[in-house]
Amino acid sequence: MLIKGIGTDITRRDRMTFDIAKRILSDSEIKIMNSYEGEEAQLRFASGRWAAKESIIKASSKEISFDQVEILKDADGKPYVKYSGHLGVEFQISISHEDLYSIAFCIMAHKE
């Protein structure tokens, strides 16, 4: 794997609102968010997606925008990136939550 960029972002969850979530999440991501019970869990999900998308933008040197990426979940619940652009890259993403913070790390690599 030839790494093209890396990015990370940390976000305070208490800054996330449902208005912000609706602006940054795709319909598919909103559906996943709504599957969580309780506002705290839903906002934690949205905060993690914010951090993930910011980490992707940082890895790409700002060649990518929020509306070009979705962070979905595979059958095991692992996040993966669905990218609608044409940079010829793939992404590996990790999202974690602790107390008031959500953090994400992204590796962007050339497709093999």
PDB file of N, CA and C in Angstrom:
ATOM      1  N   MET A   1       0.853  -1.175   0.000  1.00  0.00           N
ATOM      2  CA  MET A   1       0.000   0.000   0.000  1.00  0.00           C
ATOM      3  C   MET A   1       0.897   1.235   0.000  1.00  0.00           C
ATOM      4  N   LEU A   2       0.683   2.123  -0.944  1.00  0.00           N
ATOM      5  CA  LEU A   2       1.421   3.376  -1.021  1.00  0.00           C
ATOM      6  C   LEU A   2       0.574   4.476  -0.398  1.00  0.00           C
ATOM      7  N   ILE A   3       0.998   4.952   0.763  1.00  0.00           N
ATOM      8  CA  ILE A   3       0.233   5.963   1.491  1.00  0.00           C
ATOM      9  C   ILE A   3       0.376   7.319   0.816  1.00  0.00           C
ATOM     10  N   LYS A   4      -0.773   7.940   0.573  1.00  0.00           N
ATOM     11  CA  LYS A   4      -0.795   9.267  -0.039  1.00  0.00           C
ATOM     12  C   LYS A   4      -1.000  10.353   1.015  1.00  0.00           C
ATOM     13  N   GLY A   5      -1.666  10.016   2.134  1.00  0.00           N
ATOM     14  CA  GLY A   5      -1.880  11.006   3.176  1.00  0.00           C
ATOM     15  C   GLY A   5      -2.450  10.379   4.433  1.00  0.00           C
ATOM     16  N   ILE A   6      -2.249  11.058   5.545  1.00  0.00           N
ATOM     17  CA  ILE A   6      -2.853  10.656   6.808  1.00  0.00           C
ATOM     18  C   ILE A   6      -3.513  11.877   7.423  1.00  0.00           C
ATOM     19  N   GLY A   7      -4.528  11.638   8.225  1.00  0.00           N
ATOM     20  CA  GLY A   7      -5.209  12.746   8.886  1.00  0.00           C
ATOM     21  C   GLY A   7      -5.830  12.279  10.184  1.00  0.00           C
ATOM     22  N   THR A   8      -5.968  13.198  11.111  1.00  0.00           N
ATOM     23  CA  THR A   8      -6.626  12.900  12.374  1.00  0.00           C
ATOM     24  C   THR A   8      -7.424  14.116  12.807  1.00  0.00           C
ATOM     25  N   ASP A   9      -8.458  13.876  13.602  1.00  0.00           N
ATOM     26  CA  ASP A   9      -9.251  14.980  14.134  1.00  0.00           C
ATOM     27  C   ASP A   9      -9.853  14.544  15.460  1.00  0.00           C
ATOM     28  N   ILE A  10      -9.958  15.490  16.369  1.00  0.00           N
ATOM     29  CA  ILE A  10     -10.610  15.251  17.655  1.00  0.00           C
ATOM     30  C   ILE A  10     -11.670  16.332  17.826  1.00  0.00           C
ATOM     31  N   THR A  11     -12.824  15.919  18.336  1.00  0.00           N
ATOM     32  CA  THR A  11     -13.970  16.819  18.446  1.00  0.00           C
ATOM     33  C   THR A  11     -14.600  16.683  19.826  1.00  0.00           C
ATOM     34  N   ARG A  12     -14.969  17.810  20.423  1.00  0.00           N
ATOM     35  CA  ARG A  12     -15.737  17.781  21.676  1.00  0.00           C
ATOM     36  C   ARG A  12     -17.184  17.478  21.331  1.00  0.00           C
ATOM     37  N   ARG A  13     -17.694  16.415  21.913  1.00  0.00           N
ATOM     38  CA  ARG A  13     -19.056  15.999  21.582  1.00  0.00           C
ATOM     39  C   ARG A  13     -20.116  16.998  22.011  1.00  0.00           C
ATOM     40  N   ASP A  14     -19.855  17.779  23.052  1.00  0.00           N
ATOM     41  CA  ASP A  14     -20.876  18.727  23.502  1.00  0.00           C
ATOM     42  C   ASP A  14     -21.059  19.899  22.536  1.00  0.00           C
ATOM     43  N   ARG A  15     -20.234  19.977  21.501  1.00  0.00           N
ATOM     44  CA  ARG A  15     -20.399  21.009  20.469  1.00  0.00           C
ATOM     45  C   ARG A  15     -21.296  20.533  19.321  1.00  0.00           C
ATOM     46  N   MET A  16     -21.595  19.227  19.284  1.00  0.00           N
ATOM     47  CA  MET A  16     -22.423  18.662  18.212  1.00  0.00           C
ATOM     48  C   MET A  16     -23.902  18.872  18.534  1.00  0.00           C
ATOM     49  N   THR A  17     -24.653  19.275  17.514  1.00  0.00           N
ATOM     50  CA  THR A  17     -26.104  19.441  17.627  1.00  0.00           C
ATOM     51  C   THR A  17     -26.767  18.657  16.498  1.00  0.00           C
ATOM     52  N   PHE A  18     -28.067  18.456  16.616  1.00  0.00           N
ATOM     53  CA  PHE A  18     -28.782  17.768  15.537  1.00  0.00           C
ATOM     54  C   PHE A  18     -28.822  18.625  14.267  1.00  0.00           C
ATOM     55  N   ASP A  19     -28.824  19.951  14.406  1.00  0.00           N
ATOM     56  CA  ASP A  19     -28.775  20.815  13.216  1.00  0.00           C
ATOM     57  C   ASP A  19     -27.469  20.611  12.454  1.00  0.00           C
ATOM     58  N   ILE A  20     -26.355  20.543  13.184  1.00  0.00           N
ATOM     59  CA  ILE A  20     -25.064  20.300  12.534  1.00  0.00           C
ATOM     60  C   ILE A  20     -25.060  18.908  11.918  1.00  0.00           C
ATOM     61  N   ALA A  21     -25.552  17.923  12.655  1.00  0.00           N
ATOM     62  CA  ALA A  21     -25.581  16.548  12.149  1.00  0.00           C
ATOM     63  C   ALA A  21     -26.334  16.466  10.822  1.00  0.00           C
ATOM     64  N   LYS A  22     -27.469  17.137  10.728  1.00  0.00           N
ATOM     65  CA  LYS A  22     -28.258  17.099   9.493  1.00  0.00           C
ATOM     66  C   LYS A  22     -27.523  17.740   8.325  1.00  0.00           C
ATOM     67  N   ARG A  23     -26.639  18.698   8.606  1.00  0.00           N
ATOM     68  CA  ARG A  23     -25.875  19.357   7.535  1.00  0.00           C
ATOM     69  C   ARG A  23     -24.697  18.521   7.058  1.00  0.00           C
ATOM     70  N   ILE A  24     -24.098  17.725   7.954  1.00  0.00           N
ATOM     71  CA  ILE A  24     -22.861  17.021   7.585  1.00  0.00           C
ATOM     72  C   ILE A  24     -23.058  15.551   7.242  1.00  0.00           C
ATOM     73  N   LEU A  25     -24.197  14.975   7.622  1.00  0.00           N
ATOM     74  CA  LEU A  25     -24.417  13.553   7.398  1.00  0.00           C
ATOM     75  C   LEU A  25     -25.278  13.303   6.163  1.00  0.00           C
ATOM     76  N   SER A  26     -24.990  12.214   5.494  1.00  0.00           N
ATOM     77  CA  SER A  26     -25.816  11.790   4.351  1.00  0.00           C
ATOM     78  C   SER A  26     -27.094  11.147   4.890  1.00  0.00           C
ATOM     79  N   ASP A  27     -28.029  10.883   4.005  1.00  0.00           N
ATOM     80  CA  ASP A  27     -29.262  10.196   4.407  1.00  0.00           C
ATOM     81  C   ASP A  27     -28.953   8.836   5.027  1.00  0.00           C
ATOM     82  N   SER A  28     -27.992   8.108   4.456  1.00  0.00           N
ATOM     83  CA  SER A  28     -27.619   6.793   4.999  1.00  0.00           C
ATOM     84  C   SER A  28     -27.015   6.922   6.390  1.00  0.00           C
ATOM     85  N   GLU A  29     -26.188   7.943   6.600  1.00  0.00           N
ATOM     86  CA  GLU A  29     -25.580   8.163   7.910  1.00  0.00           C
ATOM     87  C   GLU A  29     -26.634   8.587   8.938  1.00  0.00           C
ATOM     88  N   ILE A  30     -27.585   9.394   8.521  1.00  0.00           N
ATOM     89  CA  ILE A  30     -28.667   9.807   9.426  1.00  0.00           C
ATOM     90  C   ILE A  30     -29.492   8.595   9.835  1.00  0.00           C
ATOM     91  N   LYS A  31     -29.717   7.669   8.910  1.00  0.00           N
ATOM     92  CA  LYS A  31     -30.453   6.452   9.230  1.00  0.00           C
ATOM     93  C   LYS A  31     -29.712   5.644  10.298  1.00  0.00           C
ATOM     94  N   ILE A  32     -28.395   5.533  10.156  1.00  0.00           N
ATOM     95  CA  ILE A  32     -27.596   4.823  11.158  1.00  0.00           C
ATOM     96  C   ILE A  32     -27.678   5.569  12.495  1.00  0.00           C
ATOM     97  N   MET A  33     -27.511   6.895  12.469  1.00  0.00           N
ATOM     98  CA  MET A  33     -27.577   7.694  13.694  1.00  0.00           C
ATOM     99  C   MET A  33     -28.904   7.476  14.409  1.00  0.00           C
ATOM    100  N   ASN A  34     -29.983   7.481  13.657  1.00  0.00           N
ATOM    101  CA  ASN A  34     -31.311   7.325  14.258  1.00  0.00           C
ATOM    102  C   ASN A  34     -31.553   5.928  14.819  1.00  0.00           C
ATOM    103  N   SER A  35     -30.724   4.966  14.452  1.00  0.00           N
ATOM    104  CA  SER A  35     -30.876   3.611  14.994  1.00  0.00           C
ATOM    105  C   SER A  35     -30.361   3.511  16.434  1.00  0.00           C
ATOM    106  N   TYR A  36     -29.588   4.507  16.862  1.00  0.00           N
ATOM    107  CA  TYR A  36     -29.096   4.535  18.242  1.00  0.00           C
ATOM    108  C   TYR A  36     -30.183   5.089  19.150  1.00  0.00           C
ATOM    109  N   GLU A  37     -30.285   4.531  20.345  1.00  0.00           N
ATOM    110  CA  GLU A  37     -31.289   4.998  21.298  1.00  0.00           C
ATOM    111  C   GLU A  37     -30.730   6.129  22.136  1.00  0.00           C
ATOM    112  N   GLY A  38     -31.479   7.214  22.209  1.00  0.00           N
ATOM    113  CA  GLY A  38     -31.116   8.339  23.057  1.00  0.00           C
ATOM    114  C   GLY A  38     -30.298   9.396  22.334  1.00  0.00           C
ATOM    115  N   GLU A  39     -30.529  10.629  22.723  1.00  0.00           N
ATOM    116  CA  GLU A  39     -29.840  11.760  22.102  1.00  0.00           C
ATOM    117  C   GLU A  39     -28.334  11.690  22.283  1.00  0.00           C
ATOM    118  N   GLU A  40     -27.885  11.302  23.476  1.00  0.00           N
ATOM    119  CA  GLU A  40     -26.442  11.257  23.737  1.00  0.00           C
ATOM    120  C   GLU A  40     -25.739  10.301  22.778  1.00  0.00           C
ATOM    121  N   ALA A  41     -26.285   9.124  22.578  1.00  0.00           N
ATOM    122  CA  ALA A  41     -25.697   8.136  21.670  1.00  0.00           C
ATOM    123  C   ALA A  41     -25.738   8.633  20.221  1.00  0.00           C
ATOM    124  N   GLN A  42     -26.824   9.269  19.834  1.00  0.00           N
ATOM    125  CA  GLN A  42     -26.943   9.791  18.472  1.00  0.00           C
ATOM    126  C   GLN A  42     -25.935  10.906  18.227  1.00  0.00           C
ATOM    127  N   LEU A  43     -25.777  11.808  19.192  1.00  0.00           N
ATOM    128  CA  LEU A  43     -24.826  12.903  19.025  1.00  0.00           C
ATOM    129  C   LEU A  43     -23.386  12.403  19.095  1.00  0.00           C
ATOM    130  N   ARG A  44     -23.137  11.346  19.872  1.00  0.00           N
ATOM    131  CA  ARG A  44     -21.801  10.734  19.891  1.00  0.00           C
ATOM    132  C   ARG A  44     -21.486  10.179  18.502  1.00  0.00           C
ATOM    133  N   PHE A  45     -22.453   9.512  17.886  1.00  0.00           N
ATOM    134  CA  PHE A  45     -22.278   8.992  16.529  1.00  0.00           C
ATOM    135  C   PHE A  45     -21.949  10.141  15.564  1.00  0.00           C
ATOM    136  N   ALA A  46     -22.747  11.207  15.604  1.00  0.00           N
ATOM    137  CA  ALA A  46     -22.545  12.344  14.690  1.00  0.00           C
ATOM    138  C   ALA A  46     -21.183  12.994  14.917  1.00  0.00           C
ATOM    139  N   SER A  47     -20.785  13.127  16.167  1.00  0.00           N
ATOM    140  CA  SER A  47     -19.488  13.715  16.482  1.00  0.00           C
ATOM    141  C   SER A  47     -18.350  12.866  15.913  1.00  0.00           C
ATOM    142  N   GLY A  48     -18.484  11.561  16.014  1.00  0.00           N
ATOM    143  CA  GLY A  48     -17.476  10.668  15.443  1.00  0.00           C
ATOM    144  C   GLY A  48     -17.402  10.787  13.935  1.00  0.00           C
ATOM    145  N   ARG A  49     -18.555  10.935  13.291  1.00  0.00           N
ATOM    146  CA  ARG A  49     -18.567  11.103  11.834  1.00  0.00           C
ATOM    147  C   ARG A  49     -17.950  12.444  11.431  1.00  0.00           C
ATOM    148  N   TRP A  50     -18.195  13.491  12.225  1.00  0.00           N
ATOM    149  CA  TRP A  50     -17.551  14.791  11.968  1.00  0.00           C
ATOM    150  C   TRP A  50     -16.038  14.613  12.013  1.00  0.00           C
ATOM    151  N   ALA A  51     -15.534  14.014  13.090  1.00  0.00           N
ATOM    152  CA  ALA A  51     -14.086  13.816  13.229  1.00  0.00           C
ATOM    153  C   ALA A  51     -13.543  12.967  12.080  1.00  0.00           C
ATOM    154  N   ALA A  52     -14.288  11.930  11.682  1.00  0.00           N
ATOM    155  CA  ALA A  52     -13.842  11.072  10.587  1.00  0.00           C
ATOM    156  C   ALA A  52     -13.749  11.845   9.275  1.00  0.00           C
ATOM    157  N   LYS A  53     -14.761  12.621   8.978  1.00  0.00           N
ATOM    158  CA  LYS A  53     -14.747  13.392   7.726  1.00  0.00           C
ATOM    159  C   LYS A  53     -13.650  14.444   7.749  1.00  0.00           C
ATOM    160  N   GLU A  54     -13.433  15.080   8.888  1.00  0.00           N
ATOM    161  CA  GLU A  54     -12.327  16.046   9.005  1.00  0.00           C
ATOM    162  C   GLU A  54     -10.986  15.346   8.801  1.00  0.00           C
ATOM    163  N   SER A  55     -10.824  14.139   9.345  1.00  0.00           N
ATOM    164  CA  SER A  55      -9.555  13.426   9.168  1.00  0.00           C
ATOM    165  C   SER A  55      -9.332  13.063   7.699  1.00  0.00           C
ATOM    166  N   ILE A  56     -10.402  12.739   6.988  1.00  0.00           N
ATOM    167  CA  ILE A  56     -10.300  12.435   5.554  1.00  0.00           C
ATOM    168  C   ILE A  56      -9.902  13.683   4.773  1.00  0.00           C
ATOM    169  N   ILE A  57     -10.512  14.802   5.088  1.00  0.00           N
ATOM    170  CA  ILE A  57     -10.169  16.059   4.417  1.00  0.00           C
ATOM    171  C   ILE A  57      -8.704  16.407   4.662  1.00  0.00           C
ATOM    172  N   LYS A  58      -8.230  16.225   5.887  1.00  0.00           N
ATOM    173  CA  LYS A  58      -6.830  16.508   6.208  1.00  0.00           C
ATOM    174  C   LYS A  58      -5.896  15.549   5.471  1.00  0.00           C
ATOM    175  N   ALA A  59      -6.264  14.285   5.381  1.00  0.00           N
ATOM    176  CA  ALA A  59      -5.438  13.308   4.664  1.00  0.00           C
ATOM    177  C   ALA A  59      -5.342  13.642   3.180  1.00  0.00           C
ATOM    178  N   SER A  60      -6.386  14.245   2.640  1.00  0.00           N
ATOM    179  CA  SER A  60      -6.425  14.539   1.204  1.00  0.00           C
ATOM    180  C   SER A  60      -5.904  15.927   0.861  1.00  0.00           C
ATOM    181  N   SER A  61      -5.364  16.633   1.837  1.00  0.00           N
ATOM    182  CA  SER A  61      -4.901  18.015   1.630  1.00  0.00           C
ATOM    183  C   SER A  61      -6.033  18.895   1.123  1.00  0.00           C
ATOM    184  N   LYS A  62      -7.234  18.646   1.655  1.00  0.00           N
ATOM    185  CA  LYS A  62      -8.434  19.431   1.386  1.00  0.00           C
ATOM    186  C   LYS A  62      -8.948  19.302  -0.053  1.00  0.00           C
ATOM    187  N   GLU A  63      -8.623  18.194  -0.721  1.00  0.00           N
ATOM    188  CA  GLU A  63      -9.146  17.934  -2.063  1.00  0.00           C
ATOM    189  C   GLU A  63     -10.553  17.353  -2.016  1.00  0.00           C
ATOM    190  N   ILE A  64     -11.021  17.004  -0.826  1.00  0.00           N
ATOM    191  CA  ILE A  64     -12.296  16.322  -0.641  1.00  0.00           C
ATOM    192  C   ILE A  64     -13.187  17.184   0.251  1.00  0.00           C
ATOM    193  N   SER A  65     -14.503  17.145   0.006  1.00  0.00           N
ATOM    194  CA  SER A  65     -15.444  17.875   0.850  1.00  0.00           C
ATOM    195  C   SER A  65     -16.350  16.889   1.589  1.00  0.00           C
ATOM    196  N   PHE A  66     -17.042  17.377   2.629  1.00  0.00           N
ATOM    197  CA  PHE A  66     -17.925  16.534   3.442  1.00  0.00           C
ATOM    198  C   PHE A  66     -18.946  15.782   2.606  1.00  0.00           C
ATOM    199  N   ASP A  67     -19.497  16.425   1.582  1.00  0.00           N
ATOM    200  CA  ASP A  67     -20.562  15.782   0.818  1.00  0.00           C
ATOM    201  C   ASP A  67     -20.051  14.692  -0.130  1.00  0.00           C
ATOM    202  N   GLN A  68     -18.739  14.517  -0.254  1.00  0.00           N
ATOM    203  CA  GLN A  68     -18.182  13.463  -1.098  1.00  0.00           C
ATOM    204  C   GLN A  68     -17.924  12.164  -0.342  1.00  0.00           C
ATOM    205  N   VAL A  69     -18.064  12.186   0.991  1.00  0.00           N
ATOM    206  CA  VAL A  69     -17.758  10.986   1.766  1.00  0.00           C
ATOM    207  C   VAL A  69     -18.907  10.613   2.687  1.00  0.00           C
ATOM    208  N   GLU A  70     -19.092   9.315   2.823  1.00  0.00           N
ATOM    209  CA  GLU A  70     -20.005   8.754   3.810  1.00  0.00           C
ATOM    210  C   GLU A  70     -19.187   7.779   4.633  1.00  0.00           C
ATOM    211  N   ILE A  71     -19.432   7.760   5.929  1.00  0.00           N
ATOM    212  CA  ILE A  71     -18.801   6.783   6.797  1.00  0.00           C
ATOM    213  C   ILE A  71     -19.915   5.818   7.204  1.00  0.00           C
ATOM    214  N   LEU A  72     -19.898   4.636   6.610  1.00  0.00           N
ATOM    215  CA  LEU A  72     -20.928   3.640   6.846  1.00  0.00           C
ATOM    216  C   LEU A  72     -20.362   2.521   7.724  1.00  0.00           C
ATOM    217  N   LYS A  73     -21.166   1.509   8.013  1.00  0.00           N
ATOM    218  CA  LYS A  73     -20.728   0.393   8.847  1.00  0.00           C
ATOM    219  C   LYS A  73     -20.883  -0.905   8.080  1.00  0.00           C
ATOM    220  N   ASP A  74     -19.854  -1.770   8.178  1.00  0.00           N
ATOM    221  CA  ASP A  74     -19.976  -3.080   7.542  1.00  0.00           C
ATOM    222  C   ASP A  74     -20.786  -4.007   8.451  1.00  0.00           C
ATOM    223  N   ALA A  75     -20.924  -5.261   8.056  1.00  0.00           N
ATOM    224  CA  ALA A  75     -21.756  -6.213   8.807  1.00  0.00           C
ATOM    225  C   ALA A  75     -21.279  -6.415  10.246  1.00  0.00           C
ATOM    226  N   ASP A  76     -19.994  -6.188  10.494  1.00  0.00           N
ATOM    227  CA  ASP A  76     -19.444  -6.331  11.845  1.00  0.00           C
ATOM    228  C   ASP A  76     -19.472  -5.031  12.640  1.00  0.00           C
ATOM    229  N   GLY A  77     -19.993  -3.950  12.037  1.00  0.00           N
ATOM    230  CA  GLY A  77     -20.049  -2.657  12.718  1.00  0.00           C
ATOM    231  C   GLY A  77     -18.822  -1.797  12.515  1.00  0.00           C
ATOM    232  N   LYS A  78     -17.850  -2.267  11.740  1.00  0.00           N
ATOM    233  CA  LYS A  78     -16.620  -1.517  11.480  1.00  0.00           C
ATOM    234  C   LYS A  78     -16.907  -0.388  10.482  1.00  0.00           C
ATOM    235  N   PRO A  79     -16.425   0.828  10.780  1.00  0.00           N
ATOM    236  CA  PRO A  79     -16.659   1.924   9.833  1.00  0.00           C
ATOM    237  C   PRO A  79     -15.825   1.765   8.559  1.00  0.00           C
ATOM    238  N   TYR A  80     -16.445   2.163   7.453  1.00  0.00           N
ATOM    239  CA  TYR A  80     -15.710   2.215   6.189  1.00  0.00           C
ATOM    240  C   TYR A  80     -16.147   3.460   5.434  1.00  0.00           C
ATOM    241  N   VAL A  81     -15.305   3.892   4.515  1.00  0.00           N
ATOM    242  CA  VAL A  81     -15.542   5.127   3.771  1.00  0.00           C
ATOM    243  C   VAL A  81     -16.097   4.813   2.398  1.00  0.00           C
ATOM    244  N   LYS A  82     -17.202   5.461   2.074  1.00  0.00           N
ATOM    245  CA  LYS A  82     -17.763   5.421   0.720  1.00  0.00           C
ATOM    246  C   LYS A  82     -17.480   6.799   0.126  1.00  0.00           C
ATOM    247  N   TYR A  83     -16.635   6.823  -0.891  1.00  0.00           N
ATOM    248  CA  TYR A  83     -16.152   8.072  -1.483  1.00  0.00           C
ATOM    249  C   TYR A  83     -16.694   8.225  -2.895  1.00  0.00           C
ATOM    250  N   SER A  84     -17.282   9.386  -3.195  1.00  0.00           N
ATOM    251  CA  SER A  84     -17.902   9.598  -4.503  1.00  0.00           C
ATOM    252  C   SER A  84     -16.998  10.311  -5.500  1.00  0.00           C
ATOM    253  N   GLY A  85     -15.781  10.630  -5.104  1.00  0.00           N
ATOM    254  CA  GLY A  85     -14.865  11.346  -5.994  1.00  0.00           C
ATOM    255  C   GLY A  85     -14.040  10.405  -6.859  1.00  0.00           C
ATOM    256  N   HIS A  86     -13.063  10.976  -7.551  1.00  0.00           N
ATOM    257  CA  HIS A  86     -12.265  10.221  -8.515  1.00  0.00           C
ATOM    258  C   HIS A  86     -10.778  10.479  -8.336  1.00  0.00           C
ATOM    259  N   LEU A  87     -10.270  10.324  -7.116  1.00  0.00           N
ATOM    260  CA  LEU A  87      -8.843  10.524  -6.884  1.00  0.00           C
ATOM    261  C   LEU A  87      -8.038   9.244  -7.047  1.00  0.00           C
ATOM    262  N   GLY A  88      -8.691   8.096  -7.252  1.00  0.00           N
ATOM    263  CA  GLY A  88      -7.989   6.826  -7.364  1.00  0.00           C
ATOM    264  C   GLY A  88      -7.359   6.398  -6.049  1.00  0.00           C
ATOM    265  N   VAL A  89      -8.059   6.661  -4.951  1.00  0.00           N
ATOM    266  CA  VAL A  89      -7.541   6.327  -3.628  1.00  0.00           C
ATOM    267  C   VAL A  89      -8.560   5.503  -2.850  1.00  0.00           C
ATOM    268  N   GLU A  90      -8.090   4.880  -1.792  1.00  0.00           N
ATOM    269  CA  GLU A  90      -8.960   4.202  -0.848  1.00  0.00           C
ATOM    270  C   GLU A  90      -8.611   4.689   0.548  1.00  0.00           C
ATOM    271  N   PHE A  91      -9.523   4.470   1.480  1.00  0.00           N
ATOM    272  CA  PHE A  91      -9.364   4.988   2.829  1.00  0.00           C
ATOM    273  C   PHE A  91      -9.499   3.878   3.856  1.00  0.00           C
ATOM    274  N   GLN A  92      -8.721   4.002   4.914  1.00  0.00           N
ATOM    275  CA  GLN A  92      -8.896   3.209   6.126  1.00  0.00           C
ATOM    276  C   GLN A  92      -9.220   4.210   7.224  1.00  0.00           C
ATOM    277  N   ILE A  93     -10.242   3.925   8.024  1.00  0.00           N
ATOM    278  CA  ILE A  93     -10.698   4.888   9.024  1.00  0.00           C
ATOM    279  C   ILE A  93     -10.891   4.201  10.369  1.00  0.00           C
ATOM    280  N   SER A  94     -10.562   4.919  11.427  1.00  0.00           N
ATOM    281  CA  SER A  94     -10.796   4.439  12.783  1.00  0.00           C
ATOM    282  C   SER A  94     -11.438   5.578  13.571  1.00  0.00           C
ATOM    283  N   ILE A  95     -12.466   5.251  14.352  1.00  0.00           N
ATOM    284  CA  ILE A  95     -13.189   6.245  15.151  1.00  0.00           C
ATOM    285  C   ILE A  95     -13.263   5.730  16.586  1.00  0.00           C
ATOM    286  N   SER A  96     -12.969   6.601  17.551  1.00  0.00           N
ATOM    287  CA  SER A  96     -13.065   6.241  18.969  1.00  0.00           C
ATOM    288  C   SER A  96     -13.744   7.358  19.739  1.00  0.00           C
ATOM    289  N   HIS A  97     -14.329   6.980  20.874  1.00  0.00           N
ATOM    290  CA  HIS A  97     -15.027   7.930  21.737  1.00  0.00           C
ATOM    291  C   HIS A  97     -14.538   7.751  23.168  1.00  0.00           C
ATOM    292  N   GLU A  98     -14.372   8.864  23.876  1.00  0.00           N
ATOM    293  CA  GLU A  98     -13.977   8.836  25.282  1.00  0.00           C
ATOM    294  C   GLU A  98     -14.521  10.081  25.964  1.00  0.00           C
ATOM    295  N   ASP A  99     -15.273   9.872  27.014  1.00  0.00           N
ATOM    296  CA  ASP A  99     -15.857  10.985  27.765  1.00  0.00           C
ATOM    297  C   ASP A  99     -16.469  12.019  26.821  1.00  0.00           C
ATOM    298  N   LEU A 100     -15.906  13.214  26.772  1.00  0.00           N
ATOM    299  CA  LEU A 100     -16.463  14.305  25.958  1.00  0.00           C
ATOM    300  C   LEU A 100     -15.913  14.368  24.533  1.00  0.00           C
ATOM    301  N   TYR A 101     -15.054  13.430  24.153  1.00  0.00           N
ATOM    302  CA  TYR A 101     -14.361  13.565  22.882  1.00  0.00           C
ATOM    303  C   TYR A 101     -14.614  12.397  21.939  1.00  0.00           C
ATOM    304  N   SER A 102     -14.608  12.723  20.661  1.00  0.00           N
ATOM    305  CA  SER A 102     -14.585  11.727  19.591  1.00  0.00           C
ATOM    306  C   SER A 102     -13.337  12.013  18.771  1.00  0.00           C
ATOM    307  N   ILE A 103     -12.653  10.963  18.369  1.00  0.00           N
ATOM    308  CA  ILE A 103     -11.425  11.114  17.595  1.00  0.00           C
ATOM    309  C   ILE A 103     -11.463  10.153  16.413  1.00  0.00           C
ATOM    310  N   ALA A 104     -10.856  10.564  15.321  1.00  0.00           N
ATOM    311  CA  ALA A 104     -10.781   9.696  14.139  1.00  0.00           C
ATOM    312  C   ALA A 104      -9.403   9.816  13.512  1.00  0.00           C
ATOM    313  N   PHE A 105      -8.990   8.730  12.889  1.00  0.00           N
ATOM    314  CA  PHE A 105      -7.710   8.664  12.185  1.00  0.00           C
ATOM    315  C   PHE A 105      -7.963   8.052  10.821  1.00  0.00           C
ATOM    316  N   CYS A 106      -7.358   8.638   9.795  1.00  0.00           N
ATOM    317  CA  CYS A 106      -7.563   8.181   8.418  1.00  0.00           C
ATOM    318  C   CYS A 106      -6.226   7.974   7.721  1.00  0.00           C
ATOM    319  N   ILE A 107      -6.142   6.887   6.977  1.00  0.00           N
ATOM    320  CA  ILE A 107      -5.031   6.667   6.048  1.00  0.00           C
ATOM    321  C   ILE A 107      -5.630   6.654   4.654  1.00  0.00           C
ATOM    322  N   MET A 108      -5.064   7.479   3.784  1.00  0.00           N
ATOM    323  CA  MET A 108      -5.484   7.525   2.385  1.00  0.00           C
ATOM    324  C   MET A 108      -4.361   6.915   1.558  1.00  0.00           C
ATOM    325  N   ALA A 109      -4.670   5.907   0.743  1.00  0.00           N
ATOM    326  CA  ALA A 109      -3.659   5.220  -0.034  1.00  0.00           C
ATOM    327  C   ALA A 109      -4.096   5.103  -1.491  1.00  0.00           C
ATOM    328  N   HIS A 110      -3.106   5.001  -2.379  1.00  0.00           N
ATOM    329  CA  HIS A 110      -3.404   4.747  -3.787  1.00  0.00           C
ATOM    330  C   HIS A 110      -4.031   3.373  -3.915  1.00  0.00           C
ATOM    331  N   LYS A 111      -5.018   3.239  -4.796  1.00  0.00           N
ATOM    332  CA  LYS A 111      -5.620   1.936  -5.056  1.00  0.00           C
ATOM    333  C   LYS A 111      -4.599   1.073  -5.790  1.00  0.00           C
ATOM    334  N   GLU A 112      -4.601  -0.195  -5.421  1.00  0.00           N
ATOM    335  CA  GLU A 112      -3.649  -1.119  -6.081  1.00  0.00           C
ATOM    336  C   GLU A 112      -4.290  -1.797  -7.254  1.00  0.00           C
TER     337      GLU A 112
END
